[in-house]
C-alpha atoms as a PDB file:
ATOM      1  CA  MET A   1     120.649 101.509 117.845  1.00  0.00           C
ATOM      2  CA  ALA A   2     121.659  97.856 117.595  1.00  0.00           C
ATOM      3  CA  PRO A   3     121.509  95.900 120.853  1.00  0.00           C
ATOM      4  CA  THR A   4     124.669  94.997 122.729  1.00  0.00           C
ATOM      5  CA  VAL A   5     124.702  91.453 124.061  1.00  0.00           C
ATOM      6  CA  THR A   6     127.024  91.012 127.046  1.00  0.00           C
ATOM      7  CA  PRO A   7     128.630  87.541 127.170  1.00  0.00           C
ATOM      8  CA  ALA A   8     127.319  85.629 130.164  1.00  0.00           C
ATOM      9  CA  PRO A   9     129.391  83.545 132.586  1.00  0.00           C
ATOM     10  CA  THR A  10     129.312  79.778 132.188  1.00  0.00           C
ATOM     11  CA  PRO A  11     125.828  78.668 133.297  1.00  0.00           C
ATOM     12  CA  THR A  12     125.450  76.423 136.310  1.00  0.00           C
ATOM     13  CA  PRO A  13     124.341  72.933 135.155  1.00  0.00           C
ATOM     14  CA  LYS A  14     120.855  71.857 136.167  1.00  0.00           C
ATOM     15  CA  PRO A  15     119.420  68.326 136.401  1.00  0.00           C
ATOM     16  CA  ARG A  16     117.890  66.999 133.175  1.00  0.00           C
ATOM     17  CA  PRO A  17     116.415  63.706 132.053  1.00  0.00           C
ATOM     18  CA  THR A  18     118.927  61.384 130.412  1.00  0.00           C
ATOM     19  CA  PRO A  19     119.057  62.591 126.801  1.00  0.00           C
ATOM     20  CA  SER A  20     118.480  60.307 123.847  1.00  0.00           C
ATOM     21  CA  ILE A  21     121.180  59.864 121.244  1.00  0.00           C
ATOM     22  CA  TRP A  22     119.430  62.641 119.308  1.00  0.00           C
ATOM     23  CA  GLY A  23     119.312  65.176 122.145  1.00  0.00           C
ATOM     24  CA  SER A  24     116.735  66.560 124.578  1.00  0.00           C
ATOM     25  CA  TYR A  25     113.924  69.102 124.380  1.00  0.00           C
ATOM     26  CA  GLU A  26     112.861  71.473 127.135  1.00  0.00           C
ATOM     27  CA  LYS A  27     110.526  74.404 127.710  1.00  0.00           C
ATOM     28  CA  GLY A  28     111.373  77.797 129.146  1.00  0.00           C
ATOM     29  CA  GLN A  29     109.650  81.103 129.820  1.00  0.00           C
ATOM     30  CA  ILE A  30     110.742  84.684 129.548  1.00  0.00           C
ATOM     31  CA  THR A  31     109.055  87.811 130.886  1.00  0.00           C
ATOM     32  CA  SER A  32     109.900  90.615 128.507  1.00  0.00           C
ATOM     33  CA  PRO A  33     109.934  94.292 129.549  1.00  0.00           C
ATOM     34  CA  ALA A  34     110.003  95.098 125.819  1.00  0.00           C
ATOM     35  CA  LEU A  35     106.603  93.465 125.295  1.00  0.00           C
ATOM     36  CA  ALA A  36     104.967  94.932 128.415  1.00  0.00           C
ATOM     37  CA  ASN A  37     102.232  97.558 128.158  1.00  0.00           C
ATOM     38  CA  ASN A  38     101.399  96.885 124.513  1.00  0.00           C
ATOM     39  CA  LEU A  39      98.088  98.459 123.531  1.00  0.00           C
ATOM     40  CA  VAL A  40      96.253  95.230 122.683  1.00  0.00           C
ATOM     41  CA  GLY A  41      96.985  93.751 126.114  1.00  0.00           C
ATOM     42  CA  ASP A  42      99.042  90.733 125.086  1.00  0.00           C
ATOM     43  CA  PRO A  43     100.988  89.104 127.947  1.00  0.00           C
ATOM     44  CA  ALA A  44     104.656  89.961 128.358  1.00  0.00           C
ATOM     45  CA  THR A  45     105.516  86.409 129.439  1.00  0.00           C
ATOM     46  CA  CYS A  46     106.209  84.048 126.554  1.00  0.00           C
ATOM     47  CA  ASP A  47     107.137  80.395 126.234  1.00  0.00           C
ATOM     48  CA  TYR A  48     110.117  79.191 124.267  1.00  0.00           C
ATOM     49  CA  TYR A  49     111.548  75.737 123.572  1.00  0.00           C
ATOM     50  CA  VAL A  50     115.153  74.578 123.398  1.00  0.00           C
ATOM     51  CA  PHE A  51     116.513  71.505 121.611  1.00  0.00           C
ATOM     52  CA  LEU A  52     119.858  70.476 123.104  1.00  0.00           C
ATOM     53  CA  PRO A  53     122.371  68.269 121.275  1.00  0.00           C
ATOM     54  CA  PRO A  54     123.152  64.800 122.650  1.00  0.00           C
ATOM     55  CA  GLY A  55     126.617  65.855 123.762  1.00  0.00           C
ATOM     56  CA  TYR A  56     125.369  68.731 125.866  1.00  0.00           C
ATOM     57  CA  ASP A  57     125.245  66.896 129.225  1.00  0.00           C
ATOM     58  CA  THR A  58     128.356  64.806 128.666  1.00  0.00           C
ATOM     59  CA  THR A  59     130.836  67.562 127.760  1.00  0.00           C
ATOM     60  CA  THR A  60     131.804  71.049 128.866  1.00  0.00           C
ATOM     61  CA  GLU A  61     131.810  72.388 125.318  1.00  0.00           C
ATOM     62  CA  ARG A  62     129.982  75.471 124.139  1.00  0.00           C
ATOM     63  CA  PHE A  63     127.655  75.138 121.163  1.00  0.00           C
ATOM     64  CA  PRO A  64     126.409  77.355 118.351  1.00  0.00           C
ATOM     65  CA  VAL A  65     122.765  78.418 118.568  1.00  0.00           C
ATOM     66  CA  VAL A  66     120.166  78.620 115.804  1.00  0.00           C
ATOM     67  CA  TYR A  67     116.983  80.599 116.511  1.00  0.00           C
ATOM     68  CA  VAL A  68     114.015  79.122 114.602  1.00  0.00           C
ATOM     69  CA  LEU A  69     111.139  81.566 114.004  1.00  0.00           C
ATOM     70  CA  HIS A  70     107.631  80.208 113.491  1.00  0.00           C
ATOM     71  CA  GLY A  71     105.080  81.252 110.893  1.00  0.00           C
ATOM     72  CA  PHE A  72     101.628  82.844 110.986  1.00  0.00           C
ATOM     73  CA  PRO A  73      99.406  82.104 112.952  1.00  0.00           C
ATOM     74  CA  LEU A  74     101.502  79.506 114.779  1.00  0.00           C
ATOM     75  CA  HIS A  75     103.355  79.189 118.089  1.00  0.00           C
ATOM     76  CA  ALA A  76     106.826  78.440 119.446  1.00  0.00           C
ATOM     77  CA  GLY A  77     108.136  74.993 118.640  1.00  0.00           C
ATOM     78  CA  TYR A  78     105.919  74.436 115.599  1.00  0.00           C
ATOM     79  CA  TYR A  79     108.864  73.361 113.428  1.00  0.00           C
ATOM     80  CA  PHE A  80     110.530  71.246 116.117  1.00  0.00           C
ATOM     81  CA  GLN A  81     109.671  67.854 114.619  1.00  0.00           C
ATOM     82  CA  GLU A  82     110.823  68.920 111.163  1.00  0.00           C
ATOM     83  CA  ILE A  83     114.106  70.280 112.533  1.00  0.00           C
ATOM     84  CA  LYS A  84     114.603  67.161 114.651  1.00  0.00           C
ATOM     85  CA  SER A  85     113.931  64.868 111.691  1.00  0.00           C
ATOM     86  CA  ALA A  86     116.391  66.736 109.465  1.00  0.00           C
ATOM     87  CA  GLN A  87     119.020  66.743 112.228  1.00  0.00           C
ATOM     88  CA  GLU A  88     118.565  63.014 112.806  1.00  0.00           C
ATOM     89  CA  SER A  89     118.966  62.300 109.092  1.00  0.00           C
ATOM     90  CA  LEU A  90     122.214  64.272 109.040  1.00  0.00           C
ATOM     91  CA  ARG A  91     123.437  62.516 112.163  1.00  0.00           C
ATOM     92  CA  ARG A  92     122.882  59.091 110.571  1.00  0.00           C
ATOM     93  CA  ILE A  93     125.292  59.985 107.775  1.00  0.00           C
ATOM     94  CA  GLY A  94     127.739  61.710 110.087  1.00  0.00           C
ATOM     95  CA  GLU A  95     126.963  65.215 108.825  1.00  0.00           C
ATOM     96  CA  ALA A  96     125.139  66.682 111.833  1.00  0.00           C
ATOM     97  CA  ARG A  97     126.990  69.203 113.921  1.00  0.00           C
ATOM     98  CA  ASP A  98     125.968  69.531 117.560  1.00  0.00           C
ATOM     99  CA  THR A  99     123.849  72.667 117.781  1.00  0.00           C
ATOM    100  CA  ILE A 100     121.393  74.247 120.215  1.00  0.00           C
ATOM    101  CA  PHE A 101     118.077  75.178 118.571  1.00  0.00           C
ATOM    102  CA  VAL A 102     115.841  77.820 120.188  1.00  0.00           C
ATOM    103  CA  PHE A 103     112.173  78.216 119.237  1.00  0.00           C
ATOM    104  CA  PRO A 104     110.798  81.626 120.352  1.00  0.00           C
ATOM    105  CA  ASP A 105     107.108  82.529 120.444  1.00  0.00           C
ATOM    106  CA  ALA A 106     105.878  85.562 118.511  1.00  0.00           C
ATOM    107  CA  PHE A 107     102.152  84.799 118.465  1.00  0.00           C
ATOM    108  CA  ASN A 108      99.944  87.707 119.485  1.00  0.00           C
ATOM    109  CA  ALA A 109      96.368  88.945 119.320  1.00  0.00           C
ATOM    110  CA  PHE A 110      96.645  89.365 115.536  1.00  0.00           C
ATOM    111  CA  GLY A 111      98.020  85.857 115.019  1.00  0.00           C
ATOM    112  CA  GLY A 112     101.644  86.916 114.742  1.00  0.00           C
ATOM    113  CA  SER A 113     103.960  89.871 115.275  1.00  0.00           C
ATOM    114  CA  PHE A 114     106.125  89.376 112.177  1.00  0.00           C
ATOM    115  CA  TYR A 115     108.976  89.991 114.642  1.00  0.00           C
ATOM    116  CA  LEU A 116     108.395  93.728 114.301  1.00  0.00           C
ATOM    117  CA  SER A 117     107.781  96.448 116.892  1.00  0.00           C
ATOM    118  CA  SER A 118     105.219  99.139 117.703  1.00  0.00           C
ATOM    119  CA  PRO A 119     103.274 100.491 120.693  1.00  0.00           C
ATOM    120  CA  THR A 120     100.328  98.388 119.525  1.00  0.00           C
ATOM    121  CA  ILE A 121     102.059  94.990 119.720  1.00  0.00           C
ATOM    122  CA  GLY A 122     105.194  95.663 121.782  1.00  0.00           C
ATOM    123  CA  ASP A 123     108.873  95.597 120.873  1.00  0.00           C
ATOM    124  CA  TYR A 124     109.455  92.152 119.360  1.00  0.00           C
ATOM    125  CA  GLU A 125     112.842  93.206 117.985  1.00  0.00           C
ATOM    126  CA  THR A 126     114.328  93.834 121.432  1.00  0.00           C
ATOM    127  CA  TYR A 127     112.547  90.782 122.834  1.00  0.00           C
ATOM    128  CA  THR A 128     114.067  88.510 120.177  1.00  0.00           C
ATOM    129  CA  THR A 129     117.509  90.017 119.594  1.00  0.00           C
ATOM    130  CA  LYS A 130     118.431  91.110 123.101  1.00  0.00           C
ATOM    131  CA  GLU A 131     116.257  89.781 125.937  1.00  0.00           C
ATOM    132  CA  LEU A 132     115.830  86.213 124.705  1.00  0.00           C
ATOM    133  CA  VAL A 133     119.418  85.974 123.447  1.00  0.00           C
ATOM    134  CA  HIS A 134     120.705  87.135 126.840  1.00  0.00           C
ATOM    135  CA  GLN A 135     118.519  84.606 128.694  1.00  0.00           C
ATOM    136  CA  ILE A 136     119.621  81.738 126.452  1.00  0.00           C
ATOM    137  CA  ASP A 137     123.293  82.677 126.824  1.00  0.00           C
ATOM    138  CA  ALA A 138     122.859  82.916 130.608  1.00  0.00           C
ATOM    139  CA  THR A 139     121.109  79.534 130.824  1.00  0.00           C
ATOM    140  CA  TYR A 140     122.974  77.314 128.350  1.00  0.00           C
ATOM    141  CA  ARG A 141     126.543  76.758 127.227  1.00  0.00           C
ATOM    142  CA  THR A 142     126.287  78.711 124.032  1.00  0.00           C
ATOM    143  CA  ILE A 143     128.973  80.364 121.948  1.00  0.00           C
ATOM    144  CA  PRO A 144     127.919  83.820 123.219  1.00  0.00           C
ATOM    145  CA  SER A 145     128.950  85.871 120.203  1.00  0.00           C
ATOM    146  CA  ARG A 146     127.591  86.706 116.769  1.00  0.00           C
ATOM    147  CA  GLU A 147     129.854  84.078 115.177  1.00  0.00           C
ATOM    148  CA  GLY A 148     127.974  81.384 117.092  1.00  0.00           C
ATOM    149  CA  ARG A 149     124.407  82.551 116.376  1.00  0.00           C
ATOM    150  CA  GLY A 150     122.183  81.941 113.381  1.00  0.00           C
ATOM    151  CA  ILE A 151     118.563  82.786 112.700  1.00  0.00           C
ATOM    152  CA  THR A 152     116.075  81.076 110.406  1.00  0.00           C
ATOM    153  CA  GLY A 153     112.351  80.564 110.027  1.00  0.00           C
ATOM    154  CA  CYS A 154     109.569  79.798 107.602  1.00  0.00           C
ATOM    155  CA  SER A 155     106.861  82.059 106.136  1.00  0.00           C
ATOM    156  CA  MET A 156     106.407  84.823 108.747  1.00  0.00           C
ATOM    157  CA  GLY A 157     109.545  83.393 110.345  1.00  0.00           C
ATOM    158  CA  GLY A 158     111.396  83.453 107.023  1.00  0.00           C
ATOM    159  CA  PHE A 159     110.432  87.085 106.670  1.00  0.00           C
ATOM    160  CA  GLY A 160     111.423  87.798 110.283  1.00  0.00           C
ATOM    161  CA  ALA A 161     114.855  86.202 109.944  1.00  0.00           C
ATOM    162  CA  LEU A 162     115.830  88.603 107.159  1.00  0.00           C
ATOM    163  CA  PRO A 163     115.119  92.005 108.776  1.00  0.00           C
ATOM    164  CA  LEU A 164     116.463  90.846 112.144  1.00  0.00           C
ATOM    165  CA  GLY A 165     119.607  89.534 110.462  1.00  0.00           C
ATOM    166  CA  PHE A 166     120.042  92.636 108.321  1.00  0.00           C
ATOM    167  CA  LYS A 167     119.382  95.016 111.218  1.00  0.00           C
ATOM    168  CA  TYR A 168     121.339  93.132 113.904  1.00  0.00           C
ATOM    169  CA  PRO A 169     124.287  91.411 112.186  1.00  0.00           C
ATOM    170  CA  GLU A 170     126.325  91.905 115.365  1.00  0.00           C
ATOM    171  CA  VAL A 171     123.868  89.536 117.101  1.00  0.00           C
ATOM    172  CA  PHE A 172     123.187  86.950 114.353  1.00  0.00           C
ATOM    173  CA  SER A 173     125.913  86.260 111.807  1.00  0.00           C
ATOM    174  CA  VAL A 174     124.100  83.657 109.675  1.00  0.00           C
ATOM    175  CA  VAL A 175     120.610  84.009 108.179  1.00  0.00           C
ATOM    176  CA  ALA A 176     118.528  81.441 106.295  1.00  0.00           C
ATOM    177  CA  ALA A 177     115.066  82.452 105.049  1.00  0.00           C
ATOM    178  CA  ASN A 178     112.765  79.517 104.270  1.00  0.00           C
ATOM    179  CA  SER A 179     109.673  80.382 102.159  1.00  0.00           C
ATOM    180  CA  GLY A 180     109.908  84.012 103.232  1.00  0.00           C
ATOM    181  CA  GLY A 181     108.469  87.263 101.915  1.00  0.00           C
ATOM    182  CA  TYR A 182     110.935  89.598 100.227  1.00  0.00           C
ATOM    183  CA  ASP A 183     109.391  92.296  98.056  1.00  0.00           C
ATOM    184  CA  TRP A 184     106.030  93.431  99.422  1.00  0.00           C
ATOM    185  CA  GLU A 185     105.555  96.101  96.803  1.00  0.00           C
ATOM    186  CA  HIS A 186     104.931  93.400  94.204  1.00  0.00           C
ATOM    187  CA  ASP A 187     103.544  90.759  96.554  1.00  0.00           C
ATOM    188  CA  PRO A 188     100.509  89.047  94.943  1.00  0.00           C
ATOM    189  CA  GLY A 189      99.200  88.501  98.454  1.00  0.00           C
ATOM    190  CA  TRP A 190      97.854  92.058  98.428  1.00  0.00           C
ATOM    191  CA  GLU A 191      95.246  91.162  95.844  1.00  0.00           C
ATOM    192  CA  ASP A 192      94.396  87.887  97.593  1.00  0.00           C
ATOM    193  CA  ALA A 193      93.896  89.822 100.826  1.00  0.00           C
ATOM    194  CA  ARG A 194      91.779  92.503  99.168  1.00  0.00           C
ATOM    195  CA  ALA A 195      89.547  89.847  97.625  1.00  0.00           C
ATOM    196  CA  SER A 196      89.005  88.246 101.036  1.00  0.00           C
ATOM    197  CA  TYR A 197      88.188  91.558 102.766  1.00  0.00           C
ATOM    198  CA  THR A 198      84.427  91.063 102.880  1.00  0.00           C
ATOM    199  CA  HIS A 199      83.585  93.327 105.829  1.00  0.00           C
ATOM    200  CA  GLU A 200      85.180  96.030 107.966  1.00  0.00           C
ATOM    201  CA  PRO A 201      85.833  94.450 111.362  1.00  0.00           C
ATOM    202  CA  SER A 202      85.097  96.356 114.544  1.00  0.00           C
ATOM    203  CA  THR A 203      85.643  93.461 116.973  1.00  0.00           C
ATOM    204  CA  TRP A 204      88.291  90.772 117.338  1.00  0.00           C
ATOM    205  CA  SER A 205      85.725  88.145 116.443  1.00  0.00           C
ATOM    206  CA  GLN A 206      84.963  89.924 113.179  1.00  0.00           C
ATOM    207  CA  LEU A 207      88.666  90.227 112.407  1.00  0.00           C
ATOM    208  CA  GLY A 208      88.988  86.475 112.810  1.00  0.00           C
ATOM    209  CA  GLN A 209      86.255  85.963 110.220  1.00  0.00           C
ATOM    210  CA  LEU A 210      88.314  87.581 107.469  1.00  0.00           C
ATOM    211  CA  GLY A 211      90.401  85.488 105.106  1.00  0.00           C
ATOM    212  CA  LEU A 212      93.818  84.468 106.390  1.00  0.00           C
ATOM    213  CA  GLN A 213      95.666  86.672 103.905  1.00  0.00           C
ATOM    214  CA  ALA A 214      93.728  89.744 105.034  1.00  0.00           C
ATOM    215  CA  GLN A 215      94.564  88.880 108.646  1.00  0.00           C
ATOM    216  CA  VAL A 216      98.250  88.785 107.681  1.00  0.00           C
ATOM    217  CA  TYR A 217      98.138  92.395 106.525  1.00  0.00           C
ATOM    218  CA  PHE A 218      96.293  93.458 109.675  1.00  0.00           C
ATOM    219  CA  ALA A 219      99.099  91.868 111.706  1.00  0.00           C
ATOM    220  CA  VAL A 220     101.742  93.771 109.736  1.00  0.00           C
ATOM    221  CA  ALA A 221      99.728  97.017 109.891  1.00  0.00           C
ATOM    222  CA  ALA A 222      99.685  96.698 113.685  1.00  0.00           C
ATOM    223  CA  ALA A 223     103.475  97.017 113.558  1.00  0.00           C
ATOM    224  CA  VAL A 224     103.949  99.626 110.833  1.00  0.00           C
ATOM    225  CA  ALA A 225     100.790 101.734 111.191  1.00  0.00           C
ATOM    226  CA  PRO A 226      99.948 101.819 114.922  1.00  0.00           C
ATOM    227  CA  ASN A 227      97.276 104.259 116.006  1.00  0.00           C
ATOM    228  CA  PRO A 228      96.523 104.570 119.745  1.00  0.00           C
ATOM    229  CA  ASP A 229      93.330 106.494 118.969  1.00  0.00           C
ATOM    230  CA  LYS A 230      91.644 103.621 117.115  1.00  0.00           C
ATOM    231  CA  PRO A 231      90.621 100.812 119.461  1.00  0.00           C
ATOM    232  CA  PRO A 232      90.228  97.875 119.587  1.00  0.00           C
ATOM    233  CA  PHE A 233      92.986  97.152 117.036  1.00  0.00           C
ATOM    234  CA  PHE A 234      94.952 100.390 117.575  1.00  0.00           C
ATOM    235  CA  LEU A 235      96.032 100.628 113.942  1.00  0.00           C
ATOM    236  CA  ASP A 236      95.218 102.276 110.658  1.00  0.00           C
ATOM    237  CA  MET A 237      93.236  99.830 108.563  1.00  0.00           C
ATOM    238  CA  PRO A 238      95.112  98.354 105.587  1.00  0.00           C
ATOM    239  CA  PHE A 239      91.842  97.983 103.638  1.00  0.00           C
ATOM    240  CA  THR A 240      88.577  99.842 103.347  1.00  0.00           C
ATOM    241  CA  LEU A 241      85.220  99.263 101.672  1.00  0.00           C
ATOM    242  CA  VAL A 242      84.133 101.742  99.005  1.00  0.00           C
ATOM    243  CA  ASP A 243      80.587 101.171  97.736  1.00  0.00           C
ATOM    244  CA  GLY A 244      80.842  97.628  99.037  1.00  0.00           C
ATOM    245  CA  GLU A 245      84.132  96.901  97.237  1.00  0.00           C
ATOM    246  CA  ALA A 246      87.378  96.375  99.119  1.00  0.00           C
ATOM    247  CA  GLN A 247      90.228  98.770  98.396  1.00  0.00           C
ATOM    248  CA  ILE A 248      93.828  98.816  99.605  1.00  0.00           C
ATOM    249  CA  VAL A 249      94.702 101.853 101.738  1.00  0.00           C
ATOM    250  CA  GLU A 250      97.753 103.145  99.889  1.00  0.00           C
ATOM    251  CA  GLU A 251      99.266 105.022 102.839  1.00  0.00           C
ATOM    252  CA  VAL A 252      99.370 101.835 104.916  1.00  0.00           C
ATOM    253  CA  ARG A 253     100.596  99.807 101.954  1.00  0.00           C
ATOM    254  CA  GLN A 254     103.569 102.139 101.565  1.00  0.00           C
ATOM    255  CA  LYS A 255     104.427 101.700 105.250  1.00  0.00           C
ATOM    256  CA  VAL A 256     104.385  97.917 104.793  1.00  0.00           C
ATOM    257  CA  ILE A 257     106.620  98.149 101.729  1.00  0.00           C
ATOM    258  CA  ALA A 258     109.091 100.340 103.634  1.00  0.00           C
ATOM    259  CA  ILE A 259     109.966  97.530 106.069  1.00  0.00           C
ATOM    260  CA  ASP A 260     110.284  94.654 103.606  1.00  0.00           C
ATOM    261  CA  PRO A 261     113.646  92.865 103.120  1.00  0.00           C
ATOM    262  CA  ALA A 262     114.150  94.575  99.747  1.00  0.00           C
ATOM    263  CA  ASN A 263     114.452  97.851 101.665  1.00  0.00           C
ATOM    264  CA  ASP A 264     116.101  96.377 104.758  1.00  0.00           C
ATOM    265  CA  VAL A 265     119.040  95.111 102.712  1.00  0.00           C
ATOM    266  CA  ARG A 266     119.828  98.641 101.558  1.00  0.00           C
ATOM    267  CA  ARG A 267     119.915  99.832 105.164  1.00  0.00           C
ATOM    268  CA  TYR A 268     122.095  96.814 105.993  1.00  0.00           C
ATOM    269  CA  LEU A 269     124.684  98.038 103.498  1.00  0.00           C
ATOM    270  CA  ASP A 270     124.845 101.399 105.285  1.00  0.00           C
ATOM    271  CA  GLN A 271     126.420  99.826 108.376  1.00  0.00           C
ATOM    272  CA  PRO A 272     129.852  98.144 108.609  1.00  0.00           C
ATOM    273  CA  VAL A 273     129.092  94.630 109.918  1.00  0.00           C
ATOM    274  CA  ARG A 274     128.531  91.865 107.361  1.00  0.00           C
ATOM    275  CA  LEU A 275     126.845  88.490 107.709  1.00  0.00           C
ATOM    276  CA  ARG A 276     128.962  85.336 107.558  1.00  0.00           C
ATOM    277  CA  GLY A 277     126.271  83.625 105.511  1.00  0.00           C
ATOM    278  CA  LEU A 278     122.917  84.381 103.845  1.00  0.00           C
ATOM    279  CA  LEU A 279     120.680  81.671 102.358  1.00  0.00           C
ATOM    280  CA  ILE A 280     117.405  82.097 100.482  1.00  0.00           C
ATOM    281  CA  TYR A 281     115.505  78.785 100.348  1.00  0.00           C
ATOM    282  CA  HIS A 282     112.338  78.740  98.280  1.00  0.00           C
ATOM    283  CA  GLY A 283     109.925  76.488  96.423  1.00  0.00           C
ATOM    284  CA  GLU A 284     109.073  76.711  92.734  1.00  0.00           C
ATOM    285  CA  TYR A 285     105.333  76.716  93.498  1.00  0.00           C
ATOM    286  CA  ASP A 286     105.503  79.487  96.123  1.00  0.00           C
ATOM    287  CA  TYR A 287     105.319  82.887  94.392  1.00  0.00           C
ATOM    288  CA  VAL A 288     108.843  82.085  93.266  1.00  0.00           C
ATOM    289  CA  GLU A 289     109.174  85.207  91.123  1.00  0.00           C
ATOM    290  CA  SER A 290     109.304  87.269  94.318  1.00  0.00           C
ATOM    291  CA  ALA A 291     112.297  85.239  95.514  1.00  0.00           C
ATOM    292  CA  ARG A 292     114.035  85.464  92.133  1.00  0.00           C
ATOM    293  CA  THR A 293     113.527  89.232  91.993  1.00  0.00           C
ATOM    294  CA  PHE A 294     115.025  89.551  95.474  1.00  0.00           C
ATOM    295  CA  LEU A 295     118.030  87.470  94.391  1.00  0.00           C
ATOM    296  CA  THR A 296     118.597  89.814  91.474  1.00  0.00           C
ATOM    297  CA  LEU A 297     118.553  92.726  93.911  1.00  0.00           C
ATOM    298  CA  LEU A 298     121.078  91.014  96.204  1.00  0.00           C
ATOM    299  CA  THR A 299     123.353  90.360  93.247  1.00  0.00           C
ATOM    300  CA  ASP A 300     123.027  93.923  91.949  1.00  0.00           C
ATOM    301  CA  LEU A 301     123.879  95.292  95.404  1.00  0.00           C
ATOM    302  CA  GLY A 302     126.855  92.980  95.792  1.00  0.00           C
ATOM    303  CA  VAL A 303     125.435  91.134  98.810  1.00  0.00           C
ATOM    304  CA  GLU A 304     126.931  87.659  99.074  1.00  0.00           C
ATOM    305  CA  HIS A 305     124.278  84.957  99.301  1.00  0.00           C
ATOM    306  CA  GLU A 306     123.315  81.435  98.333  1.00  0.00           C
ATOM    307  CA  TYR A 307     120.040  80.355  96.787  1.00  0.00           C
ATOM    308  CA  VAL A 308     118.364  76.963  96.808  1.00  0.00           C
ATOM    309  CA  GLU A 309     115.175  76.591  94.784  1.00  0.00           C
ATOM    310  CA  VAL A 310     113.214  73.361  95.188  1.00  0.00           C
ATOM    311  CA  LYS A 311     111.529  72.100  92.049  1.00  0.00           C
ATOM    312  CA  SER A 312     107.784  71.698  92.717  1.00  0.00           C
ATOM    313  CA  GLY A 313     108.388  72.941  96.280  1.00  0.00           C
ATOM    314  CA  SER A 314     105.452  74.547  98.102  1.00  0.00           C
ATOM    315  CA  HIS A 315     105.157  77.142 100.858  1.00  0.00           C
ATOM    316  CA  CYS A 316     106.854  75.811 104.023  1.00  0.00           C
ATOM    317  CA  GLY A 317     106.769  72.324 102.535  1.00  0.00           C
ATOM    318  CA  LEU A 318     110.537  72.125 102.157  1.00  0.00           C
ATOM    319  CA  ASP A 319     113.011  69.793 103.855  1.00  0.00           C
ATOM    320  CA  TRP A 320     115.010  71.712 106.471  1.00  0.00           C
ATOM    321  CA  THR A 321     118.229  69.793 105.723  1.00  0.00           C
ATOM    322  CA  PRO A 322     119.798  72.471 103.452  1.00  0.00           C
ATOM    323  CA  VAL A 323     119.172  75.083 106.149  1.00  0.00           C
ATOM    324  CA  LEU A 324     120.841  72.972 108.847  1.00  0.00           C
ATOM    325  CA  MET A 325     123.781  72.217 106.559  1.00  0.00           C
ATOM    326  CA  PHE A 326     124.173  75.908 105.781  1.00  0.00           C
ATOM    327  CA  MET A 327     124.160  76.805 109.479  1.00  0.00           C
ATOM    328  CA  SER A 328     126.679  74.067 110.222  1.00  0.00           C
ATOM    329  CA  GLU A 329     129.022  75.329 107.504  1.00  0.00           C
ATOM    330  CA  HIS A 330     128.926  79.000 108.480  1.00  0.00           C
ATOM    331  CA  LEU A 331     128.583  79.157 112.287  1.00  0.00           C
ATOM    332  CA  ALA A 332     131.698  79.191 114.455  1.00  0.00           C
ATOM    333  CA  ARG A 333     132.870  75.891 115.848  1.00  0.00           C
END
């Protein structure tokens, strides 16, 4: 069931350093019941960062909020400088709209949660869409409704923005996926991961010695194929060695495919709430065929969207300006 976010009363102002003309940046913490008691023992207390607009402390206005999801295997606030730089550039030409940016943390023992949920990793969906949203609305002068909230991210964060937006459109009304993953059935990363699966890990140290792409699929398997009877990872392995050669475990692969955006968008169409805006932002040199195939699916299903493809653009090497402009155009004022 989709979370219900109760609008909070106007927060009580708290002392802050004098902001620059570009805004101020501060750190917060949240202790999440949804993340408690996960099987791998990750802490339930997470950091987050908030970038406030320059007018925040000099007005009584409420502001739209954009949640910026980080990639794998990164932490909260990783994209802050890039967002700040893009916002400053827009402000210089008079195009920046005052916005609160929130940078959650979804790093875990596997290197990233992919903003998914399971007993193994904890409930990152509730943590992100309900608990953190409620805390931000209770702490800052936000527009505490779906019309004032957007969600974006890059790589793992670009993937995460899509299923969270599709599943909870009554929480986030605008979604922008930057260098995301869309169709995991045809994802060439499977073969890259299989090729880098050189040993079957039995310890966390051994898991860390695998190639990064293989670690990505372990992180996703922790969410879609949890298994409390298989410590220390508490999951069904996405790969196995047969006569010394790595093979993909098809049962786990099918579970991964089932939660990709290509399937999420079909479930999105089965509920009545629609997004105010959907942007796919991708680089030509970043498995672009996956993005183009997803766009064809969106068009075939009648899902309104915009697409920006950057010539010669690489994975997460794109300027955030189109994303910020898109949010500014579609979020409530």
